[in-house]
PDB file of N, CA and C in Angstrom:
ATOM      1  N   UNK A   1       0.823  -1.414  -0.081  1.00  0.00           N
ATOM      2  CA  UNK A   1      -0.276   0.261   0.002  1.00  0.00           C
ATOM      3  C   UNK A   1       1.002   1.162  -0.138  1.00  0.00           C
ATOM      4  N   UNK A   2       0.476   2.118  -0.610  1.00  0.00           N
ATOM      5  CA  UNK A   2       0.913   3.962  -1.049  1.00  0.00           C
ATOM      6  C   UNK A   2       1.597   4.304   0.188  1.00  0.00           C
ATOM      7  N   UNK A   3       2.486   5.146   0.649  1.00  0.00           N
ATOM      8  CA  UNK A   3       2.859   6.061   2.107  1.00  0.00           C
ATOM      9  C   UNK A   3       1.541   7.154   1.050  1.00  0.00           C
ATOM     10  N   UNK A   4       1.155   7.506   3.463  1.00  0.00           N
ATOM     11  CA  UNK A   4       0.898   8.975   2.542  1.00  0.00           C
ATOM     12  C   UNK A   4       1.160  10.244   1.857  1.00  0.00           C
ATOM     13  N   UNK A   5       0.968  11.058   1.131  1.00  0.00           N
ATOM     14  CA  UNK A   5       0.669  12.173  -0.238  1.00  0.00           C
ATOM     15  C   UNK A   5       0.964  12.888   1.004  1.00  0.00           C
ATOM     16  N   UNK A   6       2.342  13.660   0.550  1.00  0.00           N
ATOM     17  CA  UNK A   6       2.921  14.917   1.293  1.00  0.00           C
ATOM     18  C   UNK A   6       3.239  16.253   0.383  1.00  0.00           C
ATOM     19  N   UNK A   7       2.598  16.834   0.610  1.00  0.00           N
ATOM     20  CA  UNK A   7       2.625  18.222  -0.362  1.00  0.00           C
ATOM     21  C   UNK A   7       3.554  18.087  -0.436  1.00  0.00           C
ATOM     22  N   UNK A   8       3.664  18.394  -2.019  1.00  0.00           N
ATOM     23  CA  UNK A   8       5.211  20.061  -2.712  1.00  0.00           C
ATOM     24  C   UNK A   8       5.220  20.593  -2.488  1.00  0.00           C
ATOM     25  N   UNK A   9       6.029  21.386  -2.879  1.00  0.00           N
ATOM     26  CA  UNK A   9       5.622  23.160  -2.892  1.00  0.00           C
ATOM     27  C   UNK A   9       7.852  23.082  -3.495  1.00  0.00           C
ATOM     28  N   UNK A  10       6.977  24.541  -4.366  1.00  0.00           N
ATOM     29  CA  UNK A  10       8.705  24.990  -4.483  1.00  0.00           C
ATOM     30  C   UNK A  10       9.049  26.399  -4.130  1.00  0.00           C
ATOM     31  N   UNK A  11      10.822  26.366  -3.882  1.00  0.00           N
ATOM     32  CA  UNK A  11      10.965  27.523  -3.054  1.00  0.00           C
ATOM     33  C   UNK A  11      11.215  29.060  -3.879  1.00  0.00           C
ATOM     34  N   UNK A  12      10.201  29.673  -3.372  1.00  0.00           N
ATOM     35  CA  UNK A  12      10.694  30.850  -4.006  1.00  0.00           C
ATOM     36  C   UNK A  12      12.161  31.385  -4.303  1.00  0.00           C
ATOM     37  N   UNK A  13      13.379  30.991  -3.204  1.00  0.00           N
ATOM     38  CA  UNK A  13      14.684  31.417  -3.719  1.00  0.00           C
ATOM     39  C   UNK A  13      15.284  30.502  -4.061  1.00  0.00           C
ATOM     40  N   UNK A  14      15.306  29.395  -3.812  1.00  0.00           N
ATOM     41  CA  UNK A  14      16.486  28.763  -4.857  1.00  0.00           C
ATOM     42  C   UNK A  14      15.974  27.187  -5.458  1.00  0.00           C
ATOM     43  N   UNK A  15      14.232  27.452  -5.330  1.00  0.00           N
ATOM     44  CA  UNK A  15      13.923  27.021  -6.647  1.00  0.00           C
ATOM     45  C   UNK A  15      14.138  25.244  -6.463  1.00  0.00           C
ATOM     46  N   UNK A  16      14.277  24.914  -5.491  1.00  0.00           N
ATOM     47  CA  UNK A  16      13.648  23.790  -5.469  1.00  0.00           C
ATOM     48  C   UNK A  16      12.331  22.827  -4.649  1.00  0.00           C
ATOM     49  N   UNK A  17      12.029  21.450  -4.589  1.00  0.00           N
ATOM     50  CA  UNK A  17      11.051  21.553  -4.466  1.00  0.00           C
ATOM     51  C   UNK A  17      10.858  20.349  -2.868  1.00  0.00           C
ATOM     52  N   UNK A  18      10.356  20.586  -2.151  1.00  0.00           N
ATOM     53  CA  UNK A  18      10.362  19.685  -0.704  1.00  0.00           C
ATOM     54  C   UNK A  18       9.267  20.318  -0.560  1.00  0.00           C
ATOM     55  N   UNK A  19       8.894  19.139   0.557  1.00  0.00           N
ATOM     56  CA  UNK A  19       7.764  19.289   1.993  1.00  0.00           C
ATOM     57  C   UNK A  19       7.122  20.443   2.209  1.00  0.00           C
ATOM     58  N   UNK A  20       5.896  20.689   2.076  1.00  0.00           N
ATOM     59  CA  UNK A  20       4.914  21.723   2.490  1.00  0.00           C
ATOM     60  C   UNK A  20       5.819  22.188   3.771  1.00  0.00           C
ATOM     61  N   UNK A  21       5.911  21.264   4.595  1.00  0.00           N
ATOM     62  CA  UNK A  21       5.959  21.535   6.318  1.00  0.00           C
ATOM     63  C   UNK A  21       7.326  22.086   6.272  1.00  0.00           C
ATOM     64  N   UNK A  22       8.640  21.597   5.364  1.00  0.00           N
ATOM     65  CA  UNK A  22      10.230  21.851   5.401  1.00  0.00           C
ATOM     66  C   UNK A  22      10.266  23.104   5.380  1.00  0.00           C
ATOM     67  N   UNK A  23       8.345  23.786   4.483  1.00  0.00           N
ATOM     68  CA  UNK A  23       8.988  25.586   4.358  1.00  0.00           C
ATOM     69  C   UNK A  23       8.370  26.835   5.187  1.00  0.00           C
ATOM     70  N   UNK A  24       9.287  27.340   5.107  1.00  0.00           N
ATOM     71  CA  UNK A  24       8.072  28.808   5.880  1.00  0.00           C
ATOM     72  C   UNK A  24       6.890  29.050   4.502  1.00  0.00           C
ATOM     73  N   UNK A  25       6.334  29.550   5.294  1.00  0.00           N
ATOM     74  CA  UNK A  25       4.790  30.007   4.100  1.00  0.00           C
ATOM     75  C   UNK A  25       5.002  31.656   4.745  1.00  0.00           C
ATOM     76  N   UNK A  26       5.086  32.303   3.742  1.00  0.00           N
ATOM     77  CA  UNK A  26       4.206  33.926   3.267  1.00  0.00           C
ATOM     78  C   UNK A  26       3.771  34.207   2.942  1.00  0.00           C
ATOM     79  N   UNK A  27       2.450  34.857   3.311  1.00  0.00           N
ATOM     80  CA  UNK A  27       1.063  35.010   2.328  1.00  0.00           C
ATOM     81  C   UNK A  27       0.721  36.500   2.116  1.00  0.00           C
ATOM     82  N   UNK A  28       0.072  36.843   0.963  1.00  0.00           N
ATOM     83  CA  UNK A  28      -0.016  38.057   1.128  1.00  0.00           C
ATOM     84  C   UNK A  28      -2.118  38.438   0.939  1.00  0.00           C
ATOM     85  N   UNK A  29      -2.732  39.032   2.355  1.00  0.00           N
ATOM     86  CA  UNK A  29      -3.442  39.173   3.101  1.00  0.00           C
ATOM     87  C   UNK A  29      -3.991  39.374   2.006  1.00  0.00           C
ATOM     88  N   UNK A  30      -5.754  39.585   2.946  1.00  0.00           N
ATOM     89  CA  UNK A  30      -6.803  40.586   1.767  1.00  0.00           C
ATOM     90  C   UNK A  30      -6.442  42.161   1.920  1.00  0.00           C
ATOM     91  N   UNK A  31      -5.792  42.626   2.978  1.00  0.00           N
ATOM     92  CA  UNK A  31      -5.932  44.173   3.031  1.00  0.00           C
ATOM     93  C   UNK A  31      -4.426  44.826   2.655  1.00  0.00           C
ATOM     94  N   UNK A  32      -3.807  43.121   1.560  1.00  0.00           N
ATOM     95  CA  UNK A  32      -2.968  43.393   0.891  1.00  0.00           C
ATOM     96  C   UNK A  32      -1.492  43.561   2.150  1.00  0.00           C
ATOM     97  N   UNK A  33      -1.377  43.210   2.511  1.00  0.00           N
ATOM     98  CA  UNK A  33      -0.347  43.184   3.211  1.00  0.00           C
ATOM     99  C   UNK A  33       0.178  41.965   3.147  1.00  0.00           C
ATOM    100  N   UNK A  34       1.637  42.158   3.803  1.00  0.00           N
ATOM    101  CA  UNK A  34       2.528  40.606   3.264  1.00  0.00           C
ATOM    102  C   UNK A  34       3.066  39.929   4.192  1.00  0.00           C
ATOM    103  N   UNK A  35       3.008  38.714   5.461  1.00  0.00           N
ATOM    104  CA  UNK A  35       3.040  38.435   6.569  1.00  0.00           C
ATOM    105  C   UNK A  35       3.210  37.084   6.777  1.00  0.00           C
ATOM    106  N   UNK A  36       4.663  36.655   8.155  1.00  0.00           N
ATOM    107  CA  UNK A  36       4.914  34.768   7.571  1.00  0.00           C
ATOM    108  C   UNK A  36       3.705  34.351   8.622  1.00  0.00           C
ATOM    109  N   UNK A  37       3.208  33.599   7.914  1.00  0.00           N
ATOM    110  CA  UNK A  37       1.795  32.265   8.233  1.00  0.00           C
ATOM    111  C   UNK A  37       2.948  31.154   8.978  1.00  0.00           C
ATOM    112  N   UNK A  38       3.584  31.321   9.855  1.00  0.00           N
ATOM    113  CA  UNK A  38       3.795  29.936  11.053  1.00  0.00           C
ATOM    114  C   UNK A  38       2.228  28.739  10.753  1.00  0.00           C
ATOM    115  N   UNK A  39       1.743  29.092  11.170  1.00  0.00           N
ATOM    116  CA  UNK A  39       0.421  27.908  10.537  1.00  0.00           C
ATOM    117  C   UNK A  39       0.346  26.954   9.077  1.00  0.00           C
ATOM    118  N   UNK A  40       0.624  27.936   8.386  1.00  0.00           N
ATOM    119  CA  UNK A  40       0.252  27.472   6.831  1.00  0.00           C
ATOM    120  C   UNK A  40      -1.191  27.028   6.628  1.00  0.00           C
ATOM    121  N   UNK A  41      -2.377  27.921   7.208  1.00  0.00           N
ATOM    122  CA  UNK A  41      -3.557  28.148   7.256  1.00  0.00           C
ATOM    123  C   UNK A  41      -3.986  29.274   7.030  1.00  0.00           C
ATOM    124  N   UNK A  42      -3.212  30.319   7.307  1.00  0.00           N
ATOM    125  CA  UNK A  42      -3.875  31.649   6.674  1.00  0.00           C
ATOM    126  C   UNK A  42      -4.575  32.200   5.469  1.00  0.00           C
ATOM    127  N   UNK A  43      -5.364  33.101   5.167  1.00  0.00           N
ATOM    128  CA  UNK A  43      -6.494  32.937   4.064  1.00  0.00           C
ATOM    129  C   UNK A  43      -5.360  33.714   3.454  1.00  0.00           C
ATOM    130  N   UNK A  44      -5.625  34.037   2.019  1.00  0.00           N
ATOM    131  CA  UNK A  44      -4.565  34.566   1.052  1.00  0.00           C
ATOM    132  C   UNK A  44      -3.129  33.953   0.308  1.00  0.00           C
ATOM    133  N   UNK A  45      -2.831  35.031  -0.557  1.00  0.00           N
ATOM    134  CA  UNK A  45      -2.303  33.978  -1.932  1.00  0.00           C
ATOM    135  C   UNK A  45      -0.834  33.709  -1.491  1.00  0.00           C
ATOM    136  N   UNK A  46      -0.357  32.682  -0.886  1.00  0.00           N
ATOM    137  CA  UNK A  46       0.799  32.187  -0.223  1.00  0.00           C
ATOM    138  C   UNK A  46       1.886  31.963  -1.106  1.00  0.00           C
ATOM    139  N   UNK A  47       3.609  31.759  -0.829  1.00  0.00           N
ATOM    140  CA  UNK A  47       4.347  31.502  -1.176  1.00  0.00           C
ATOM    141  C   UNK A  47       5.337  30.971  -0.462  1.00  0.00           C
ATOM    142  N   UNK A  48       6.064  30.430  -1.198  1.00  0.00           N
ATOM    143  CA  UNK A  48       7.502  29.012   0.142  1.00  0.00           C
ATOM    144  C   UNK A  48       8.692  29.802   0.371  1.00  0.00           C
ATOM    145  N   UNK A  49       9.018  29.696   1.220  1.00  0.00           N
ATOM    146  CA  UNK A  49      10.874  30.436   1.476  1.00  0.00           C
ATOM    147  C   UNK A  49      11.103  28.969   2.232  1.00  0.00           C
ATOM    148  N   UNK A  50      12.988  28.124   2.326  1.00  0.00           N
ATOM    149  CA  UNK A  50      12.978  27.883   2.627  1.00  0.00           C
ATOM    150  C   UNK A  50      13.694  29.312   4.355  1.00  0.00           C
ATOM    151  N   UNK A  51      13.648  27.401   4.971  1.00  0.00           N
ATOM    152  CA  UNK A  51      14.306  28.612   6.496  1.00  0.00           C
ATOM    153  C   UNK A  51      15.864  29.098   6.734  1.00  0.00           C
ATOM    154  N   UNK A  52      16.414  29.174   5.427  1.00  0.00           N
ATOM    155  CA  UNK A  52      18.014  29.844   5.276  1.00  0.00           C
ATOM    156  C   UNK A  52      17.731  31.477   4.963  1.00  0.00           C
ATOM    157  N   UNK A  53      19.116  31.757   5.646  1.00  0.00           N
ATOM    158  CA  UNK A  53      19.070  33.339   5.365  1.00  0.00           C
ATOM    159  C   UNK A  53      19.841  33.534   3.494  1.00  0.00           C
ATOM    160  N   UNK A  54      19.877  32.735   2.737  1.00  0.00           N
ATOM    161  CA  UNK A  54      20.317  32.496   1.175  1.00  0.00           C
ATOM    162  C   UNK A  54      19.004  32.529   0.642  1.00  0.00           C
ATOM    163  N   UNK A  55      18.080  31.574   1.260  1.00  0.00           N
ATOM    164  CA  UNK A  55      16.898  31.626   0.255  1.00  0.00           C
ATOM    165  C   UNK A  55      16.165  32.767  -0.017  1.00  0.00           C
ATOM    166  N   UNK A  56      15.763  33.674   1.935  1.00  0.00           N
ATOM    167  CA  UNK A  56      15.807  34.502   1.528  1.00  0.00           C
ATOM    168  C   UNK A  56      16.005  35.750   1.139  1.00  0.00           C
ATOM    169  N   UNK A  57      17.510  35.770   1.389  1.00  0.00           N
ATOM    170  CA  UNK A  57      17.736  37.283   0.119  1.00  0.00           C
ATOM    171  C   UNK A  57      17.750  36.963  -1.014  1.00  0.00           C
ATOM    172  N   UNK A  58      17.535  35.980  -1.574  1.00  0.00           N
ATOM    173  CA  UNK A  58      17.335  35.051  -3.501  1.00  0.00           C
ATOM    174  C   UNK A  58      16.150  35.924  -3.748  1.00  0.00           C
ATOM    175  N   UNK A  59      15.458  35.502  -2.453  1.00  0.00           N
ATOM    176  CA  UNK A  59      13.779  35.410  -2.575  1.00  0.00           C
ATOM    177  C   UNK A  59      13.374  36.928  -2.944  1.00  0.00           C
ATOM    178  N   UNK A  60      13.760  37.926  -1.959  1.00  0.00           N
ATOM    179  CA  UNK A  60      13.828  39.569  -1.592  1.00  0.00           C
ATOM    180  C   UNK A  60      13.933  40.251  -2.875  1.00  0.00           C
ATOM    181  N   UNK A  61      15.698  40.321  -2.735  1.00  0.00           N
ATOM    182  CA  UNK A  61      16.665  40.406  -3.730  1.00  0.00           C
ATOM    183  C   UNK A  61      16.370  40.985  -4.557  1.00  0.00           C
ATOM    184  N   UNK A  62      15.469  39.969  -5.539  1.00  0.00           N
ATOM    185  CA  UNK A  62      15.226  39.802  -6.903  1.00  0.00           C
ATOM    186  C   UNK A  62      13.896  39.975  -7.087  1.00  0.00           C
ATOM    187  N   UNK A  63      12.941  40.308  -6.249  1.00  0.00           N
ATOM    188  CA  UNK A  63      11.700  40.555  -6.308  1.00  0.00           C
ATOM    189  C   UNK A  63      10.933  38.851  -6.789  1.00  0.00           C
ATOM    190  N   UNK A  64      11.729  38.148  -6.282  1.00  0.00           N
ATOM    191  CA  UNK A  64      10.562  37.022  -6.977  1.00  0.00           C
ATOM    192  C   UNK A  64       9.691  36.521  -5.702  1.00  0.00           C
ATOM    193  N   UNK A  65      10.204  37.203  -4.679  1.00  0.00           N
ATOM    194  CA  UNK A  65       9.008  36.891  -3.637  1.00  0.00           C
ATOM    195  C   UNK A  65       7.804  37.806  -3.819  1.00  0.00           C
ATOM    196  N   UNK A  66       7.642  39.502  -4.441  1.00  0.00           N
ATOM    197  CA  UNK A  66       6.916  40.036  -5.341  1.00  0.00           C
ATOM    198  C   UNK A  66       5.636  39.125  -6.060  1.00  0.00           C
ATOM    199  N   UNK A  67       6.346  39.008  -7.092  1.00  0.00           N
ATOM    200  CA  UNK A  67       5.957  38.117  -8.109  1.00  0.00           C
ATOM    201  C   UNK A  67       5.585  36.809  -8.334  1.00  0.00           C
ATOM    202  N   UNK A  68       5.655  36.366  -7.006  1.00  0.00           N
ATOM    203  CA  UNK A  68       5.074  34.822  -6.872  1.00  0.00           C
ATOM    204  C   UNK A  68       3.804  35.429  -5.965  1.00  0.00           C
ATOM    205  N   UNK A  69       3.674  36.416  -4.906  1.00  0.00           N
ATOM    206  CA  UNK A  69       2.527  37.118  -3.814  1.00  0.00           C
ATOM    207  C   UNK A  69       1.622  37.918  -5.084  1.00  0.00           C
ATOM    208  N   UNK A  70       1.906  38.373  -6.512  1.00  0.00           N
ATOM    209  CA  UNK A  70       1.183  39.056  -7.694  1.00  0.00           C
ATOM    210  C   UNK A  70       1.314  41.069  -6.309  1.00  0.00           C
ATOM    211  N   UNK A  71       2.395  41.166  -5.237  1.00  0.00           N
ATOM    212  CA  UNK A  71       2.271  41.808  -4.679  1.00  0.00           C
ATOM    213  C   UNK A  71       3.077  42.945  -4.877  1.00  0.00           C
ATOM    214  N   UNK A  72       3.621  44.743  -4.419  1.00  0.00           N
ATOM    215  CA  UNK A  72       4.307  45.140  -4.527  1.00  0.00           C
ATOM    216  C   UNK A  72       4.261  44.729  -2.754  1.00  0.00           C
ATOM    217  N   UNK A  73       5.956  45.047  -2.617  1.00  0.00           N
ATOM    218  CA  UNK A  73       6.863  44.845  -1.025  1.00  0.00           C
ATOM    219  C   UNK A  73       6.478  46.092  -0.751  1.00  0.00           C
ATOM    220  N   UNK A  74       5.714  46.884   0.456  1.00  0.00           N
ATOM    221  CA  UNK A  74       5.906  47.888   0.759  1.00  0.00           C
ATOM    222  C   UNK A  74       7.729  47.879   1.773  1.00  0.00           C
ATOM    223  N   UNK A  75       7.322  49.002   1.840  1.00  0.00           N
ATOM    224  CA  UNK A  75       9.281  49.040   3.062  1.00  0.00           C
ATOM    225  C   UNK A  75       8.451  48.327   4.787  1.00  0.00           C
ATOM    226  N   UNK A  76       7.258  48.704   4.899  1.00  0.00           N
ATOM    227  CA  UNK A  76       7.262  48.665   6.040  1.00  0.00           C
ATOM    228  C   UNK A  76       7.548  46.774   6.440  1.00  0.00           C
ATOM    229  N   UNK A  77       6.897  45.816   5.183  1.00  0.00           N
ATOM    230  CA  UNK A  77       6.390  44.611   4.855  1.00  0.00           C
ATOM    231  C   UNK A  77       7.739  43.993   5.196  1.00  0.00           C
ATOM    232  N   UNK A  78       8.929  44.666   4.099  1.00  0.00           N
ATOM    233  CA  UNK A  78       9.794  44.179   3.589  1.00  0.00           C
ATOM    234  C   UNK A  78      10.700  44.122   4.983  1.00  0.00           C
ATOM    235  N   UNK A  79      10.391  45.405   5.346  1.00  0.00           N
ATOM    236  CA  UNK A  79      11.790  45.115   6.999  1.00  0.00           C
ATOM    237  C   UNK A  79      10.655  44.452   7.636  1.00  0.00           C
ATOM    238  N   UNK A  80      10.340  43.908   7.792  1.00  0.00           N
ATOM    239  CA  UNK A  80       9.376  42.755   8.514  1.00  0.00           C
ATOM    240  C   UNK A  80       9.593  41.377   8.487  1.00  0.00           C
ATOM    241  N   UNK A  81       9.652  40.932   7.002  1.00  0.00           N
ATOM    242  CA  UNK A  81      10.700  39.919   6.582  1.00  0.00           C
ATOM    243  C   UNK A  81      12.330  39.751   6.325  1.00  0.00           C
ATOM    244  N   UNK A  82      12.817  40.930   6.118  1.00  0.00           N
ATOM    245  CA  UNK A  82      13.921  41.215   6.778  1.00  0.00           C
ATOM    246  C   UNK A  82      14.773  41.039   7.572  1.00  0.00           C
ATOM    247  N   UNK A  83      14.023  41.411   8.829  1.00  0.00           N
ATOM    248  CA  UNK A  83      14.083  41.045  10.000  1.00  0.00           C
ATOM    249  C   UNK A  83      14.038  39.794  10.358  1.00  0.00           C
ATOM    250  N   UNK A  84      13.055  38.939  10.221  1.00  0.00           N
ATOM    251  CA  UNK A  84      12.319  37.522  10.352  1.00  0.00           C
ATOM    252  C   UNK A  84      14.411  36.967   9.384  1.00  0.00           C
ATOM    253  N   UNK A  85      14.654  37.184   8.264  1.00  0.00           N
ATOM    254  CA  UNK A  85      15.634  36.125   7.574  1.00  0.00           C
ATOM    255  C   UNK A  85      16.521  36.766   8.060  1.00  0.00           C
ATOM    256  N   UNK A  86      17.181  37.716   8.779  1.00  0.00           N
ATOM    257  CA  UNK A  86      18.194  37.900   9.727  1.00  0.00           C
ATOM    258  C   UNK A  86      18.282  37.193  11.107  1.00  0.00           C
ATOM    259  N   UNK A  87      17.296  36.477  11.573  1.00  0.00           N
ATOM    260  CA  UNK A  87      17.779  35.246  12.631  1.00  0.00           C
ATOM    261  C   UNK A  87      17.610  33.986  12.420  1.00  0.00           C
ATOM    262  N   UNK A  88      17.724  33.809  10.856  1.00  0.00           N
ATOM    263  CA  UNK A  88      18.384  32.360   9.990  1.00  0.00           C
ATOM    264  C   UNK A  88      19.106  32.325  10.281  1.00  0.00           C
ATOM    265  N   UNK A  89      19.740  30.873   9.813  1.00  0.00           N
ATOM    266  CA  UNK A  89      20.830  30.019   9.624  1.00  0.00           C
ATOM    267  C   UNK A  89      21.105  30.810   8.397  1.00  0.00           C
ATOM    268  N   UNK A  90      22.921  30.814   9.026  1.00  0.00           N
ATOM    269  CA  UNK A  90      23.227  31.686   7.578  1.00  0.00           C
ATOM    270  C   UNK A  90      23.928  30.416   6.349  1.00  0.00           C
ATOM    271  N   UNK A  91      23.519  29.162   6.483  1.00  0.00           N
ATOM    272  CA  UNK A  91      23.894  28.301   5.688  1.00  0.00           C
ATOM    273  C   UNK A  91      23.818  28.695   4.170  1.00  0.00           C
ATOM    274  N   UNK A  92      23.805  27.763   3.129  1.00  0.00           N
ATOM    275  CA  UNK A  92      24.615  28.494   1.805  1.00  0.00           C
ATOM    276  C   UNK A  92      23.424  27.744   0.501  1.00  0.00           C
ATOM    277  N   UNK A  93      23.031  26.633   1.734  1.00  0.00           N
ATOM    278  CA  UNK A  93      21.707  25.791   0.877  1.00  0.00           C
ATOM    279  C   UNK A  93      20.604  25.417   1.445  1.00  0.00           C
ATOM    280  N   UNK A  94      19.674  25.155   0.711  1.00  0.00           N
ATOM    281  CA  UNK A  94      18.081  24.980   1.541  1.00  0.00           C
ATOM    282  C   UNK A  94      18.285  23.482   2.714  1.00  0.00           C
ATOM    283  N   UNK A  95      17.863  23.385   3.422  1.00  0.00           N
ATOM    284  CA  UNK A  95      18.093  22.198   4.315  1.00  0.00           C
ATOM    285  C   UNK A  95      16.790  20.880   4.020  1.00  0.00           C
ATOM    286  N   UNK A  96      18.102  19.716   4.059  1.00  0.00           N
ATOM    287  CA  UNK A  96      17.423  18.965   2.960  1.00  0.00           C
ATOM    288  C   UNK A  96      16.862  18.102   4.103  1.00  0.00           C
TER     289      UNK A  96
END
């Protein structure tokens, strides 16, 4: 018998595919703000990024995150996301 299906998501920063629970969800809410979604269930358009500083840097600097969320990042939202990314491990690659 086959094992339980594990939803797969692509990291916006490095484009690697992994299980949904190994990635951090970022959501654009109905009011247009962009927030970290620790539960993974908040309503709104979501994008996924590894919990690695390199992935966050790539996602934020290249405009990949804004494109995935179909929104422009306001300075307040960008500062909040950068503060979150600064607290992450400095590894060069995604968690395996």
